[in-house]
Amino acid sequence: MTLFQIGLFLGAATFVAHAVALARPEATMVWLRRFPRNVPVGVFLMLLGTAWFDWNLANENLDDIAKFKTAMLAAFAVLGVASCFYLKDFLAVRGLCVVMLMAAWQVCDSARWHPSLWRDAFSGWAYVWALAALWWTVQPWRVRDLIGWLVASPGRFRLAAVAGVLWGAFVVGLSVTVLR
């Protein structure tokens, strides 16, 4: 994928998700409160992240890992599936973290060779995801606490939703104008 395509997808997804939060704040707050311990969502996210990671590893051409690649693919697949059975507590947060790390990798990989310096906005955003994912993987209850803080005040929730809509619009605009 090109940085233009990634920017359009991520910007539109961010815009739509936060627009839904603005349009239906009560339903969104209820869903967010349930998210950290939502096992079906966690299984989906963990399997998505595991498949994405294995796909990246399978397409990696490093000679250093060539002789171990088959074993690594199997081990990571087993680890991802096993986590769905043995790490059900905060599985949605952990699955989200795996997907965030894979998305950050994709953004940084696509941004690496783009000629515009605006690529750094995308790389910076991806590094924020990576740092958050690493922190939340170790302390997944922090996501629950963050969501609790966010939804405790309707004004704070609305402000965060407006900020997300504006950021999504900015990313789409940047993609359409500069990153084409």
Protein backbone atom coordinates (compact mmCIF):
# COMPACT_ATOMS: atom_id res chain seq x y z
CA MET A 1 0.00 0.00 0.00
CA THR A 2 1.11 3.52 -0.65
CA LEU A 3 1.19 6.24 1.97
CA PHE A 4 -1.65 7.94 0.09
CA GLN A 5 -3.88 4.86 0.41
CA ILE A 6 -2.96 4.34 4.05
CA GLY A 7 -3.64 7.99 4.81
CA LEU A 8 -7.04 7.87 3.13
CA PHE A 9 -8.03 4.70 4.98
CA LEU A 10 -6.75 5.76 8.41
CA GLY A 11 -8.05 9.32 8.07
CA ALA A 12 -11.49 8.17 6.96
CA ALA A 13 -11.64 5.51 9.71
CA THR A 14 -10.63 8.04 12.35
CA PHE A 15 -13.11 10.59 11.03
CA VAL A 16 -16.01 8.12 10.89
CA ALA A 17 -15.31 6.54 14.30
CA HIS A 18 -15.20 9.92 16.02
CA ALA A 19 -18.20 11.22 14.06
CA VAL A 20 -20.18 8.23 15.32
CA ALA A 21 -19.03 9.08 18.84
CA LEU A 22 -20.33 12.64 18.33
CA ALA A 23 -23.63 11.48 16.85
CA ARG A 24 -24.29 8.70 19.38
CA PRO A 25 -22.29 9.51 22.51
CA GLU A 26 -24.25 7.35 24.96
CA ALA A 27 -24.05 4.18 22.86
CA THR A 28 -20.37 4.81 22.14
CA MET A 29 -19.59 5.31 25.84
CA VAL A 30 -21.35 2.06 26.73
CA TRP A 31 -19.42 0.19 24.04
CA LEU A 32 -16.12 1.75 25.13
CA ARG A 33 -16.71 0.78 28.77
CA ARG A 34 -17.24 -2.84 27.72
CA PHE A 35 -14.38 -2.95 25.23
CA PRO A 36 -11.39 -3.94 27.43
CA ARG A 37 -12.99 -7.22 28.55
CA ASN A 38 -14.95 -7.95 25.36
CA VAL A 39 -13.78 -11.48 24.53
CA PRO A 40 -15.31 -11.83 21.02
CA VAL A 41 -13.77 -8.53 19.91
CA GLY A 42 -10.52 -9.59 21.56
CA VAL A 43 -10.44 -12.91 19.72
CA PHE A 44 -11.09 -11.13 16.41
CA LEU A 45 -8.36 -8.53 17.03
CA MET A 46 -5.84 -11.09 18.28
CA LEU A 47 -6.38 -13.40 15.31
CA LEU A 48 -6.25 -10.45 12.90
CA GLY A 49 -3.00 -9.24 14.44
CA THR A 50 -1.54 -12.75 14.47
CA ALA A 51 -2.42 -13.34 10.82
CA TRP A 52 -1.02 -9.93 9.85
CA PHE A 53 2.21 -10.61 11.74
CA ASP A 54 2.61 -14.07 10.19
CA TRP A 55 1.93 -12.63 6.73
CA ASN A 56 4.65 -9.98 7.28
CA LEU A 57 7.07 -12.61 8.55
CA ALA A 58 6.32 -14.95 5.64
CA ASN A 59 7.12 -12.16 3.17
CA GLU A 60 10.32 -11.13 4.95
CA ASN A 61 13.49 -11.82 2.95
CA LEU A 62 16.14 -11.71 5.66
CA ASP A 63 18.69 -14.49 5.20
CA ASP A 64 19.42 -14.38 8.94
CA ILE A 65 16.04 -15.94 9.75
CA ALA A 66 15.51 -18.03 6.61
CA LYS A 67 16.29 -21.38 8.23
CA PHE A 68 14.05 -20.60 11.23
CA LYS A 69 11.15 -19.03 9.31
CA THR A 70 8.88 -22.09 9.20
CA ALA A 71 9.28 -22.74 12.93
CA MET A 72 8.76 -19.06 13.71
CA LEU A 73 5.59 -18.90 11.62
CA ALA A 74 4.16 -21.92 13.41
CA ALA A 75 5.23 -20.70 16.86
CA PHE A 76 3.72 -17.24 16.40
CA ALA A 77 0.49 -18.70 15.03
CA VAL A 78 0.22 -21.05 18.01
CA LEU A 79 1.03 -18.18 20.40
CA GLY A 80 -1.67 -15.96 18.87
CA VAL A 81 -4.33 -18.67 18.96
CA ALA A 82 -3.34 -19.85 22.44
CA SER A 83 -3.61 -16.32 23.79
CA CYS A 84 -7.29 -16.39 22.79
CA PHE A 85 -7.79 -19.31 25.20
CA TYR A 86 -5.39 -18.46 28.03
CA LEU A 87 -5.32 -14.64 28.12
CA LYS A 88 -9.02 -13.82 28.10
CA ASP A 89 -8.59 -11.09 30.70
CA PHE A 90 -8.19 -7.85 28.72
CA LEU A 91 -7.86 -9.85 25.50
CA ALA A 92 -9.45 -7.03 23.49
CA VAL A 93 -6.78 -4.61 24.68
CA ARG A 94 -3.97 -7.02 23.91
CA GLY A 95 -5.42 -7.83 20.49
CA LEU A 96 -5.76 -4.12 19.77
CA CYS A 97 -2.12 -3.67 20.73
CA VAL A 98 -0.97 -6.32 18.25
CA VAL A 99 -3.03 -4.66 15.49
CA MET A 100 -1.66 -1.24 16.47
CA LEU A 101 1.91 -2.53 16.20
CA MET A 102 1.23 -4.05 12.79
CA ALA A 103 -0.44 -0.83 11.59
CA ALA A 104 2.51 1.20 12.87
CA TRP A 105 4.89 -1.07 10.97
CA GLN A 106 2.83 -0.65 7.78
CA VAL A 107 2.74 3.15 8.09
CA CYS A 108 6.46 3.46 8.80
CA ASP A 109 7.35 1.06 6.00
CA SER A 110 5.24 3.03 3.51
CA ALA A 111 6.40 6.42 4.74
CA ARG A 112 10.10 5.55 4.57
CA TRP A 113 10.60 6.40 0.90
CA HIS A 114 7.92 9.05 0.39
CA PRO A 115 9.51 12.32 -0.83
CA SER A 116 7.32 14.70 1.19
CA LEU A 117 8.43 15.66 4.67
CA TRP A 118 4.78 15.41 5.70
CA ARG A 119 5.44 11.68 5.92
CA ASP A 120 6.86 12.46 9.35
CA ALA A 121 3.35 13.31 10.60
CA PHE A 122 2.32 9.76 9.74
CA SER A 123 5.49 8.24 11.18
CA GLY A 124 5.05 10.23 14.37
CA TRP A 125 1.45 9.06 14.66
CA ALA A 126 2.63 5.47 14.13
CA TYR A 127 5.29 5.81 16.83
CA VAL A 128 2.62 7.01 19.26
CA TRP A 129 0.64 3.84 18.47
CA ALA A 130 3.70 1.66 18.95
CA LEU A 131 4.59 3.20 22.31
CA ALA A 132 0.99 3.03 23.51
CA ALA A 133 0.69 -0.59 22.34
CA LEU A 134 3.86 -1.61 24.15
CA TRP A 135 2.71 0.09 27.36
CA TRP A 136 -0.84 -1.26 27.17
CA THR A 137 0.32 -4.80 26.45
CA VAL A 138 2.16 -4.86 29.75
CA GLN A 139 -0.51 -2.90 31.67
CA PRO A 140 -3.81 -3.47 29.85
CA TRP A 141 -5.89 -2.09 32.72
CA ARG A 142 -4.55 1.36 31.79
CA VAL A 143 -6.87 1.31 28.77
CA ARG A 144 -9.83 0.59 31.05
CA ASP A 145 -8.75 3.46 33.29
CA LEU A 146 -8.25 5.79 30.32
CA ILE A 147 -11.69 4.95 28.97
CA GLY A 148 -13.19 5.48 32.43
CA TRP A 149 -11.57 8.90 32.65
CA LEU A 150 -12.66 9.82 29.12
CA VAL A 151 -16.32 8.87 29.57
CA ALA A 152 -16.60 10.31 33.09
CA SER A 153 -17.33 13.75 31.67
CA PRO A 154 -19.61 14.29 28.65
CA GLY A 155 -17.70 17.48 27.81
CA ARG A 156 -14.37 15.67 27.84
CA PHE A 157 -15.80 12.89 25.68
CA ARG A 158 -17.23 15.42 23.20
CA LEU A 159 -13.91 17.29 23.06
CA ALA A 160 -12.03 14.05 22.33
CA ALA A 161 -14.55 13.15 19.62
CA VAL A 162 -14.23 16.59 17.99
CA ALA A 163 -10.43 16.30 18.12
CA GLY A 164 -10.65 12.89 16.42
CA VAL A 165 -12.93 14.24 13.69
CA LEU A 166 -10.54 17.13 13.06
CA TRP A 167 -7.50 14.85 13.02
CA GLY A 168 -9.22 12.44 10.61
CA ALA A 169 -10.12 15.32 8.30
CA PHE A 170 -6.54 16.59 8.50
CA VAL A 171 -5.12 13.17 7.59
CA VAL A 172 -7.51 12.77 4.65
CA GLY A 173 -6.76 16.30 3.47
CA LEU A 174 -3.03 15.72 3.76
CA SER A 175 -3.33 12.46 1.84
CA VAL A 176 -5.34 13.98 -0.98
CA THR A 177 -3.20 17.10 -1.40
CA VAL A 178 0.38 16.31 -0.43
CA LEU A 179 0.84 12.54 -0.38
CA ARG A 180 -0.71 11.76 -3.74
